[in-house]
Protein backbone atom coordinates (compact mmCIF):
# COMPACT_ATOMS: atom_id res chain seq x y z
CA MET A 1 -10.12 -147.08 -28.36
CA ASP A 2 -13.20 -147.63 -30.47
CA ASN A 3 -14.98 -144.47 -31.49
CA GLY A 4 -18.42 -145.63 -30.40
CA PHE A 5 -20.16 -142.25 -30.03
CA TYR A 6 -22.36 -142.49 -33.12
CA ALA A 7 -23.11 -146.17 -32.57
CA MET A 8 -24.24 -145.33 -29.03
CA LEU A 9 -26.42 -142.49 -30.32
CA SER A 10 -28.12 -144.91 -32.71
CA ARG A 11 -29.41 -146.67 -29.59
CA MET A 12 -31.61 -143.68 -28.75
CA LYS A 13 -34.35 -145.49 -30.66
CA LEU A 14 -34.25 -148.28 -28.06
CA ILE A 15 -35.02 -146.05 -25.04
CA LYS A 16 -38.76 -145.80 -24.46
CA ARG A 17 -40.35 -142.74 -22.89
CA TRP A 18 -43.33 -142.46 -20.55
CA ALA A 19 -42.55 -145.74 -18.78
CA LEU A 20 -45.07 -145.19 -15.97
CA MET A 21 -47.93 -144.31 -18.32
CA ARG A 22 -50.14 -146.52 -20.47
CA ASN A 23 -49.43 -145.40 -24.04
CA SER A 24 -51.58 -145.74 -27.14
CA LEU A 25 -48.44 -145.27 -29.22
CA SER A 26 -44.99 -145.81 -27.75
CA GLU A 27 -42.37 -143.10 -28.16
CA ASN A 28 -38.59 -143.44 -28.01
CA ILE A 29 -36.01 -140.75 -27.30
CA SER A 30 -34.87 -140.67 -30.93
CA GLU A 31 -38.36 -139.72 -32.11
CA HIS A 32 -38.76 -137.33 -29.20
CA SER A 33 -35.42 -135.64 -29.87
CA LEU A 34 -36.34 -135.02 -33.51
CA GLU A 35 -39.61 -133.38 -32.46
CA VAL A 36 -37.87 -131.28 -29.80
CA SER A 37 -35.31 -130.22 -32.41
CA ILE A 38 -38.04 -129.13 -34.84
CA ILE A 39 -39.84 -127.18 -32.10
CA ALA A 40 -36.65 -125.57 -30.69
CA HIS A 41 -35.75 -124.47 -34.22
CA ALA A 42 -39.26 -123.04 -34.62
CA LEU A 43 -39.07 -121.18 -31.30
CA ALA A 44 -35.77 -119.56 -32.33
CA ILE A 45 -37.23 -118.62 -35.75
CA ILE A 46 -40.28 -117.11 -34.01
CA SER A 47 -37.95 -115.23 -31.68
CA ASN A 48 -36.01 -113.80 -34.61
CA CYS A 49 -38.93 -113.02 -36.94
CA ARG A 50 -41.53 -111.87 -34.42
CA LEU A 51 -39.49 -110.56 -31.50
CA GLY A 52 -36.49 -109.03 -33.28
CA ASN A 53 -33.90 -111.31 -31.75
CA HIS A 54 -30.83 -112.75 -33.48
CA LEU A 55 -30.69 -116.33 -32.27
CA ASN A 56 -28.93 -119.18 -34.04
CA ALA A 57 -31.92 -121.39 -34.84
CA GLU A 58 -29.73 -124.16 -36.26
CA ARG A 59 -27.73 -124.28 -33.01
CA ALA A 60 -30.99 -124.53 -31.03
CA ALA A 61 -31.94 -127.50 -33.20
CA ALA A 62 -28.53 -129.13 -32.68
CA ILE A 63 -28.70 -128.72 -28.89
CA ALA A 64 -32.17 -130.27 -28.96
CA ILE A 65 -30.98 -133.29 -30.96
CA TYR A 66 -28.67 -134.25 -28.10
CA HIS A 67 -30.74 -133.00 -25.12
CA ASP A 68 -31.71 -136.52 -23.98
CA ALA A 69 -28.74 -138.46 -25.37
CA THR A 70 -27.47 -139.30 -21.88
CA GLU A 71 -30.60 -141.41 -21.43
CA ILE A 72 -28.88 -144.04 -23.58
CA ILE A 73 -26.82 -144.69 -20.45
CA THR A 74 -29.21 -143.60 -17.68
CA GLY A 75 -32.53 -144.69 -19.18
CA ASP A 76 -35.54 -142.38 -19.15
CA MET A 77 -36.12 -141.45 -15.53
CA PRO A 78 -39.86 -140.83 -15.01
CA THR A 79 -40.59 -137.22 -14.03
CA PRO A 80 -42.27 -138.06 -10.68
CA VAL A 81 -39.14 -139.95 -9.64
CA LYS A 82 -36.60 -137.50 -11.11
CA TYR A 83 -38.13 -134.52 -9.32
CA PHE A 84 -39.32 -136.27 -6.15
CA ASN A 85 -36.96 -134.26 -3.94
CA GLU A 86 -33.74 -132.23 -4.07
CA ASP A 87 -31.52 -135.15 -3.08
CA ILE A 88 -32.76 -137.25 -6.00
CA GLN A 89 -32.49 -134.26 -8.37
CA ASP A 90 -28.89 -133.60 -7.30
CA ALA A 91 -27.95 -137.28 -7.55
CA TYR A 92 -29.54 -137.54 -11.00
CA LYS A 93 -27.64 -134.45 -12.21
CA LYS A 94 -24.41 -136.17 -11.18
CA VAL A 95 -25.44 -139.32 -13.03
CA GLU A 96 -26.24 -137.23 -16.13
CA GLN A 97 -22.85 -135.49 -15.90
CA ALA A 98 -21.10 -138.87 -15.71
CA ALA A 99 -23.13 -140.12 -18.68
CA THR A 100 -22.18 -136.98 -20.65
CA LYS A 101 -18.49 -137.57 -19.91
CA LYS A 102 -18.82 -141.20 -20.96
CA LEU A 103 -20.50 -140.34 -24.26
CA LEU A 104 -18.03 -137.57 -25.09
CA SER A 105 -15.12 -139.89 -24.27
CA MET A 106 -16.30 -142.06 -27.17
CA LEU A 107 -15.30 -139.32 -29.62
CA PRO A 108 -11.79 -138.73 -30.94
CA GLU A 109 -10.20 -135.89 -28.99
CA ASP A 110 -9.81 -133.64 -32.03
CA ILE A 111 -13.60 -133.40 -32.56
CA ARG A 112 -14.81 -133.83 -28.96
CA GLY A 113 -14.78 -130.08 -28.33
CA CYS A 114 -17.29 -129.54 -31.12
CA TYR A 115 -19.83 -131.62 -29.18
CA GLU A 116 -19.20 -130.54 -25.58
CA SER A 117 -21.32 -127.38 -25.82
CA LEU A 118 -24.21 -129.43 -27.26
CA PHE A 119 -24.27 -131.46 -24.03
CA THR A 120 -23.32 -128.83 -21.46
CA ALA A 121 -24.77 -125.32 -21.49
CA LYS A 122 -22.37 -122.48 -22.13
CA GLU A 123 -23.21 -118.98 -20.93
CA GLU A 124 -23.56 -117.59 -24.46
CA ASP A 125 -26.22 -120.22 -25.22
CA THR A 126 -28.30 -119.74 -22.06
CA TYR A 127 -31.38 -118.49 -23.93
CA LEU A 128 -31.14 -121.25 -26.54
CA TRP A 129 -31.07 -123.83 -23.72
CA ARG A 130 -34.20 -122.21 -22.23
CA LEU A 131 -35.91 -122.58 -25.61
CA VAL A 132 -34.81 -126.22 -25.87
CA LYS A 133 -36.24 -126.94 -22.40
CA ALA A 134 -39.47 -125.24 -23.50
CA ALA A 135 -39.47 -127.28 -26.72
CA ASP A 136 -39.03 -130.43 -24.60
CA LYS A 137 -42.12 -129.48 -22.59
CA LEU A 138 -44.05 -128.62 -25.78
CA SER A 139 -43.18 -132.05 -27.18
CA ALA A 140 -44.49 -133.64 -23.98
CA LEU A 141 -47.68 -131.59 -24.29
CA ILE A 142 -48.10 -132.72 -27.90
CA LYS A 143 -47.74 -136.33 -26.74
CA CYS A 144 -50.50 -135.71 -24.18
CA ILE A 145 -52.75 -134.24 -26.87
CA GLU A 146 -52.11 -137.20 -29.17
CA GLU A 147 -52.89 -139.68 -26.39
CA ARG A 148 -56.10 -137.84 -25.46
CA LYS A 149 -57.15 -137.81 -29.11
CA ALA A 150 -56.56 -141.57 -29.21
CA GLY A 151 -59.00 -141.98 -26.33
CA ASN A 152 -56.37 -142.51 -23.65
CA SER A 153 -57.33 -140.60 -20.50
CA GLU A 154 -54.03 -141.55 -18.81
CA PHE A 155 -52.39 -138.30 -19.97
CA ILE A 156 -55.14 -135.80 -19.02
CA ASN A 157 -53.55 -134.69 -15.74
CA ALA A 158 -50.12 -134.51 -17.36
CA GLU A 159 -51.58 -132.33 -20.13
CA ALA A 160 -52.99 -129.82 -17.63
CA SER A 161 -49.79 -129.79 -15.58
CA ILE A 162 -47.49 -129.33 -18.59
CA THR A 163 -49.72 -126.58 -20.03
CA ALA A 164 -49.51 -124.68 -16.72
CA LYS A 165 -45.72 -125.10 -16.58
CA LEU A 166 -45.37 -123.83 -20.14
CA ARG A 167 -47.45 -120.73 -19.36
CA GLN A 168 -45.28 -120.08 -16.30
CA LEU A 169 -42.10 -119.98 -18.39
CA SER A 170 -42.96 -116.44 -19.51
CA LEU A 171 -41.31 -116.99 -22.87
CA PRO A 172 -43.11 -115.05 -25.61
CA GLU A 173 -41.93 -117.56 -28.24
CA VAL A 174 -43.71 -120.32 -26.35
CA GLU A 175 -46.90 -118.28 -26.02
CA ILE A 176 -46.87 -117.62 -29.77
CA PHE A 177 -46.29 -121.30 -30.56
CA MET A 178 -49.04 -122.40 -28.19
CA ASP A 179 -51.54 -119.84 -29.47
CA GLU A 180 -50.82 -120.13 -33.19
CA PHE A 181 -49.44 -123.62 -33.84
CA LEU A 182 -50.59 -125.92 -31.04
CA PRO A 183 -54.29 -125.91 -32.09
CA ALA A 184 -53.34 -127.69 -35.33
CA TYR A 185 -52.29 -130.74 -33.30
CA GLU A 186 -55.97 -131.22 -32.43
CA LYS A 187 -56.85 -131.69 -36.12
CA SER A 188 -57.10 -134.87 -38.14
CA LEU A 189 -55.05 -135.42 -41.30
CA ASP A 190 -58.08 -134.51 -43.43
CA GLU A 191 -58.58 -131.29 -41.49
CA LEU A 192 -54.90 -130.37 -41.86
CA SER A 193 -55.05 -131.03 -45.60
């Protein structure tokens, strides 16, 4: 069998996000996964440095790299469709599980186990997975901010909705990131310099 795992992952750059929204700048899942990885790493660092935890920040980043990899097979399911009702959510979870199995089957058996826990949450990584999900939402919020700054009003409702969902997570790391780091995304390059 061909070991096509990495070749399949390289196709992440071909899967566009936000299909139902008019975008000023298109985004693919490869770009998105990098941003989520950076943010998940930051959230774990914040947790360790500010909250006295002992999380593996590098593992959080690795989980985030692969968090949307199944979309190579499934495509990016728009949020309103994915969460329309429980039946669709359950069916989509089964599709994601099948896609995970397919991707992992493309690895040689001797290294497959090293990747399984990056695709499927293990109990010992529960908090890291919560931070990755929060980082995913933060990345979506940043996209909304960027679109609003570009004069695109299409993302205004999404921005408000995602902000509310992030506040409801009750994760202190997320609150710190939103309060201390998110305002910089409103600035221009000159203002950041």
